[in-house]
């Protein structure tokens, strides 16, 4: 793949990589597997590693000169990766807790980062084989299994009832304080990057995350949300940037559809 090729030309091959990783996950999901704990106490399973192996191998074949930074891959020191202008940022199985609960709310996340921003994002849902995808300048798209893809667009919020996406496994007191800003709201509790996807699809108005996440959790979703007309920002409404520091931990963030609104008004005290 030429480095000068439009990002949209990469979408179909990267979607194929994501679907292959999703299929590898489902082979484990439908059988018996062990759950291990990583050093940060987050769970990991054979499915995480199986998806990582598929993605790492296929992206290396697709773009041999572009590094791959994956949650389940080798840790790369900042002194080395700070030299990367373009690289793949991957969460092979986003929502391992949801995978373990067998609720289907987990995804494969693949993003291409260029100059610290996501310029391509593919999010595949293994259970349904649905796919959200976007490339800079090419809009955001949703593709049901076996059907044609169609464009998606984040929606405007003009006050009144608001639909808020929230984490199914990470509900916090700060999130509850955030809800107190609204008189009429509905909470959609979801796992993984589906929360941001629902914002991009116009099914939710905002996703507020006050707990820790890593850069591979948000990169593909940020590309999809932005291409759908929304934004994914820190609490000061600055777009998240990638590979700018030693830590890969994100700040708290909002993903929202209405760019006109001052979402800073809804930051709980102490944040």
Protein backbone atom coordinates (compact mmCIF):
# COMPACT_ATOMS: atom_id res chain seq x y z
CA UNK A 1 0.00 0.00 0.00
CA UNK A 2 1.48 3.34 -1.03
CA UNK A 3 1.91 5.89 1.79
CA UNK A 4 0.32 8.47 -0.51
CA UNK A 5 -2.82 6.41 -1.15
CA UNK A 6 -6.08 8.01 0.05
CA UNK A 7 -7.19 6.70 3.42
CA UNK A 8 -10.44 5.47 1.90
CA UNK A 9 -8.52 2.95 -0.21
CA UNK A 10 -7.46 1.24 3.01
CA UNK A 11 -10.96 0.79 4.35
CA UNK A 12 -11.95 -2.42 2.60
CA UNK A 13 -8.72 -4.30 3.43
CA UNK A 14 -8.81 -3.08 7.04
CA UNK A 15 -12.46 -4.06 7.37
CA UNK A 16 -11.45 -7.54 6.17
CA UNK A 17 -8.76 -7.64 8.88
CA UNK A 18 -11.30 -6.62 11.54
CA UNK A 19 -13.80 -9.25 10.40
CA UNK A 20 -11.10 -11.94 10.50
CA UNK A 21 -10.21 -10.88 14.04
CA UNK A 22 -13.90 -10.94 14.98
CA UNK A 23 -14.20 -14.47 13.64
CA UNK A 24 -11.18 -15.52 15.73
CA UNK A 25 -12.85 -14.03 18.80
CA UNK A 26 -16.09 -15.89 18.14
CA UNK A 27 -14.31 -19.24 17.96
CA UNK A 28 -13.20 -18.68 21.55
CA UNK A 29 -16.50 -17.09 22.65
CA UNK A 30 -18.44 -20.20 21.70
CA UNK A 31 -16.19 -22.55 23.64
CA UNK A 32 -14.34 -22.84 26.94
CA UNK A 33 -11.55 -20.42 27.81
CA UNK A 34 -9.46 -19.19 30.73
CA UNK A 35 -9.51 -15.66 32.13
CA UNK A 36 -6.24 -14.13 33.32
CA UNK A 37 -5.53 -10.85 35.11
CA UNK A 38 -3.03 -8.39 33.68
CA UNK A 39 -0.75 -6.21 35.81
CA UNK A 40 -3.40 -3.46 35.89
CA UNK A 41 -6.01 -5.99 37.11
CA UNK A 42 -7.92 -5.89 33.84
CA UNK A 43 -8.96 -9.27 32.44
CA UNK A 44 -7.53 -10.89 29.32
CA UNK A 45 -8.53 -14.08 27.51
CA UNK A 46 -7.40 -16.31 24.68
CA UNK A 47 -9.73 -14.33 22.43
CA UNK A 48 -7.76 -11.10 23.04
CA UNK A 49 -4.55 -12.81 21.98
CA UNK A 50 -6.13 -14.61 19.02
CA UNK A 51 -7.51 -11.34 17.64
CA UNK A 52 -4.19 -9.58 18.23
CA UNK A 53 -2.28 -12.24 16.29
CA UNK A 54 -4.65 -11.99 13.32
CA UNK A 55 -4.52 -8.20 13.22
CA UNK A 56 -0.76 -7.88 13.71
CA UNK A 57 -0.01 -10.41 10.98
CA UNK A 58 -2.43 -8.98 8.44
CA UNK A 59 -1.59 -5.32 9.01
CA UNK A 60 2.11 -6.15 8.67
CA UNK A 61 1.36 -7.74 5.30
CA UNK A 62 -0.84 -4.82 4.23
CA UNK A 63 1.53 -2.01 5.24
CA UNK A 64 4.93 -3.50 6.11
CA UNK A 65 6.54 -0.16 6.94
CA UNK A 66 3.89 1.06 9.38
CA UNK A 67 4.26 0.03 13.05
CA UNK A 68 1.42 -1.61 14.95
CA UNK A 69 0.76 -0.62 18.56
CA UNK A 70 -1.68 -3.08 20.12
CA UNK A 71 -3.02 -3.50 23.64
CA UNK A 72 -1.93 -7.13 23.58
CA UNK A 73 1.34 -6.55 21.74
CA UNK A 74 4.83 -5.62 22.86
CA UNK A 75 5.13 -2.46 24.94
CA UNK A 76 6.99 0.21 22.99
CA UNK A 77 9.00 2.88 24.81
CA UNK A 78 8.02 6.47 24.09
CA UNK A 79 11.56 7.28 22.96
CA UNK A 80 11.02 4.86 20.11
CA UNK A 81 7.38 5.47 19.21
CA UNK A 82 7.67 9.27 19.41
CA UNK A 83 9.48 8.99 16.09
CA UNK A 84 6.42 7.45 14.42
CA UNK A 85 4.50 9.80 12.16
CA UNK A 86 2.06 7.10 11.02
CA UNK A 87 1.12 3.88 12.80
CA UNK A 88 -1.74 1.48 13.52
CA UNK A 89 -3.34 1.68 16.97
CA UNK A 90 -5.31 -1.44 17.88
CA UNK A 91 -7.52 -2.82 20.60
CA UNK A 92 -8.01 -6.42 19.46
CA UNK A 93 -10.92 -6.99 21.85
CA UNK A 94 -12.41 -3.87 23.38
CA UNK A 95 -14.77 -4.84 26.19
CA UNK A 96 -13.20 -8.02 27.56
CA UNK A 97 -15.46 -7.76 30.63
CA UNK A 98 -18.50 -7.80 28.32
CA UNK A 99 -17.01 -10.76 26.45
CA UNK A 100 -16.72 -12.64 29.74
CA UNK A 101 -20.31 -11.72 30.65
CA UNK A 102 -21.43 -13.05 27.24
CA UNK A 103 -23.59 -9.97 26.51
CA UNK A 104 -22.19 -9.38 23.01
CA UNK A 105 -21.12 -5.77 23.69
CA UNK A 106 -17.48 -6.03 22.63
CA UNK A 107 -15.66 -4.84 19.54
CA UNK A 108 -12.51 -4.98 17.43
CA UNK A 109 -10.96 -1.50 17.14
CA UNK A 110 -8.40 -0.61 14.46
CA UNK A 111 -7.25 2.98 13.87
CA UNK A 112 -4.62 4.59 11.69
CA UNK A 113 -2.87 7.48 13.43
CA UNK A 114 -1.10 10.16 11.44
CA UNK A 115 0.50 13.21 13.03
CA UNK A 116 -1.18 12.44 16.38
CA UNK A 117 -4.74 12.19 15.08
CA UNK A 118 -6.88 9.27 13.87
CA UNK A 119 -7.41 9.39 10.11
CA UNK A 120 -9.02 5.96 9.67
CA UNK A 121 -11.14 3.93 12.05
CA UNK A 122 -12.79 0.53 11.82
CA UNK A 123 -14.93 -0.92 14.63
CA UNK A 124 -16.29 -4.42 14.12
CA UNK A 125 -18.86 -6.10 16.38
CA UNK A 126 -18.00 -9.83 16.39
CA UNK A 127 -21.38 -11.17 17.59
CA UNK A 128 -23.48 -9.32 14.99
CA UNK A 129 -20.71 -8.84 12.38
CA UNK A 130 -21.81 -5.22 12.08
CA UNK A 131 -19.13 -2.69 11.22
CA UNK A 132 -18.67 1.04 11.78
CA UNK A 133 -15.95 2.68 9.71
CA UNK A 134 -14.62 6.04 8.58
CA UNK A 135 -11.70 7.67 6.82
CA UNK A 136 -10.73 11.32 6.87
CA UNK A 137 -12.66 13.14 4.15
CA UNK A 138 -14.90 10.17 3.37
CA UNK A 139 -17.66 10.34 5.98
CA UNK A 140 -18.74 7.75 8.54
CA UNK A 141 -20.50 4.51 7.63
CA UNK A 142 -22.37 1.62 9.20
CA UNK A 143 -22.64 -1.80 7.58
CA UNK A 144 -25.00 -4.49 8.89
CA UNK A 145 -23.89 -8.06 8.26
CA UNK A 146 -24.50 -9.06 4.66
CA UNK A 147 -25.97 -5.69 3.67
CA UNK A 148 -24.75 -2.55 1.95
CA UNK A 149 -23.10 0.14 4.05
CA UNK A 150 -24.88 3.44 4.56
CA UNK A 151 -23.74 6.84 5.80
CA UNK A 152 -24.35 7.76 9.44
CA UNK A 153 -24.56 11.18 11.04
CA UNK A 154 -24.44 12.40 14.62
CA UNK A 155 -27.49 14.34 15.70
CA UNK A 156 -28.13 17.80 17.13
CA UNK A 157 -29.49 18.28 20.64
CA UNK A 158 -31.78 21.25 21.14
CA UNK A 159 -32.46 20.79 24.83
CA UNK A 160 -35.15 18.70 26.45
CA UNK A 161 -34.81 14.93 26.62
CA UNK A 162 -31.22 13.77 26.16
CA UNK A 163 -29.90 10.28 25.54
CA UNK A 164 -26.63 9.63 27.35
CA UNK A 165 -24.41 6.65 26.65
CA UNK A 166 -22.67 5.25 29.72
CA UNK A 167 -20.39 2.38 30.56
CA UNK A 168 -22.05 -0.86 31.58
CA UNK A 169 -19.06 -1.95 33.67
CA UNK A 170 -17.61 1.35 34.90
CA UNK A 171 -20.48 3.45 36.36
CA UNK A 172 -18.96 5.97 38.80
CA UNK A 173 -20.17 8.59 41.32
CA UNK A 174 -18.78 11.27 38.99
CA UNK A 175 -20.97 10.01 36.16
CA UNK A 176 -23.97 10.16 38.49
CA UNK A 177 -23.05 13.79 39.27
CA UNK A 178 -22.94 14.46 35.54
CA UNK A 179 -26.48 13.13 35.16
CA UNK A 180 -27.71 15.64 37.75
CA UNK A 181 -27.19 18.45 35.21
CA UNK A 182 -30.13 17.14 33.19
CA UNK A 183 -33.81 17.11 34.10
CA UNK A 184 -34.97 14.71 31.41
CA UNK A 185 -32.53 12.01 30.36
CA UNK A 186 -32.25 8.42 29.31
CA UNK A 187 -29.09 6.39 29.93
CA UNK A 188 -27.99 3.74 27.45
CA UNK A 189 -25.65 1.37 29.29
CA UNK A 190 -23.26 -0.25 26.82
CA UNK A 191 -19.87 -1.88 26.69
CA UNK A 192 -16.77 -1.08 24.64
CA UNK A 193 -16.56 1.53 21.88
CA UNK A 194 -20.23 0.97 21.05
CA UNK A 195 -21.02 3.99 23.23
CA UNK A 196 -19.15 6.31 20.88
CA UNK A 197 -20.57 4.48 17.86
CA UNK A 198 -24.08 5.21 19.11
CA UNK A 199 -23.19 8.91 19.23
CA UNK A 200 -21.88 8.75 15.65
CA UNK A 201 -25.02 6.92 14.56
CA UNK A 202 -27.37 9.46 16.14
CA UNK A 203 -28.67 6.98 18.69
CA UNK A 204 -27.18 8.89 21.65
CA UNK A 205 -26.43 12.58 22.17
CA UNK A 206 -23.33 12.27 24.34
CA UNK A 207 -21.03 9.71 25.94
CA UNK A 208 -19.24 10.98 29.04
CA UNK A 209 -16.28 9.03 30.39
CA UNK A 210 -14.63 10.19 33.60
CA UNK A 211 -12.63 7.06 34.42
CA UNK A 212 -9.36 5.92 32.84
CA UNK A 213 -9.16 4.58 29.29
CA UNK A 214 -6.22 3.93 27.00
CA UNK A 215 -5.49 5.45 23.60
CA UNK A 216 -6.42 2.23 21.76
CA UNK A 217 -9.88 2.42 23.37
CA UNK A 218 -10.79 5.71 21.70
CA UNK A 219 -8.81 6.20 18.47
CA UNK A 220 -11.01 4.31 16.00
CA UNK A 221 -14.15 5.66 17.67
CA UNK A 222 -12.86 9.22 17.52
CA UNK A 223 -12.34 8.91 13.76
CA UNK A 224 -15.88 7.57 13.28
CA UNK A 225 -17.48 10.22 15.53
CA UNK A 226 -15.62 13.08 13.87
CA UNK A 227 -16.41 11.82 10.37
CA UNK A 228 -20.08 11.64 11.42
CA UNK A 229 -20.04 15.34 12.33
CA UNK A 230 -19.46 14.98 16.08
CA UNK A 231 -16.42 15.33 18.29
CA UNK A 232 -14.48 13.31 20.85
CA UNK A 233 -12.67 15.68 23.20
CA UNK A 234 -11.23 16.16 26.64
CA UNK A 235 -13.38 18.03 29.16
CA UNK A 236 -12.07 21.36 27.83
CA UNK A 237 -13.41 20.36 24.39
CA UNK A 238 -9.97 19.80 22.85
CA UNK A 239 -9.81 16.78 20.49
CA UNK A 240 -7.82 13.88 21.92
CA UNK A 241 -4.33 13.52 20.46
CA UNK A 242 -2.28 10.36 20.29
CA UNK A 243 1.32 9.35 20.98
CA UNK A 244 2.26 12.69 22.52
CA UNK A 245 3.54 11.43 25.90
CA UNK A 246 5.01 8.46 27.70
CA UNK A 247 1.66 7.36 29.17
CA UNK A 248 -1.01 5.89 26.90
CA UNK A 249 -3.80 6.79 29.36
CA UNK A 250 -6.43 9.21 28.07
CA UNK A 251 -7.85 12.13 30.05
CA UNK A 252 -11.59 12.05 30.87
CA UNK A 253 -13.54 12.80 27.71
CA UNK A 254 -16.83 13.54 26.01
CA UNK A 255 -18.03 12.10 22.69
CA UNK A 256 -20.94 14.19 21.41
CA UNK A 257 -22.88 14.93 18.28
CA UNK A 258 -23.79 18.60 18.65
CA UNK A 259 -20.74 20.80 18.05
CA UNK A 260 -22.78 23.95 18.74
CA UNK A 261 -23.37 23.15 22.39
CA UNK A 262 -21.10 24.18 25.27
CA UNK A 263 -20.65 20.78 26.88
CA UNK A 264 -18.11 22.26 29.31
CA UNK A 265 -21.14 23.38 31.32
CA UNK A 266 -21.71 19.79 32.40
CA UNK A 267 -18.32 18.96 33.90
CA UNK A 268 -18.87 17.87 37.52
CA UNK A 269 -17.02 19.86 40.17
CA UNK A 270 -13.63 18.44 41.04
CA UNK A 271 -12.88 17.37 37.48
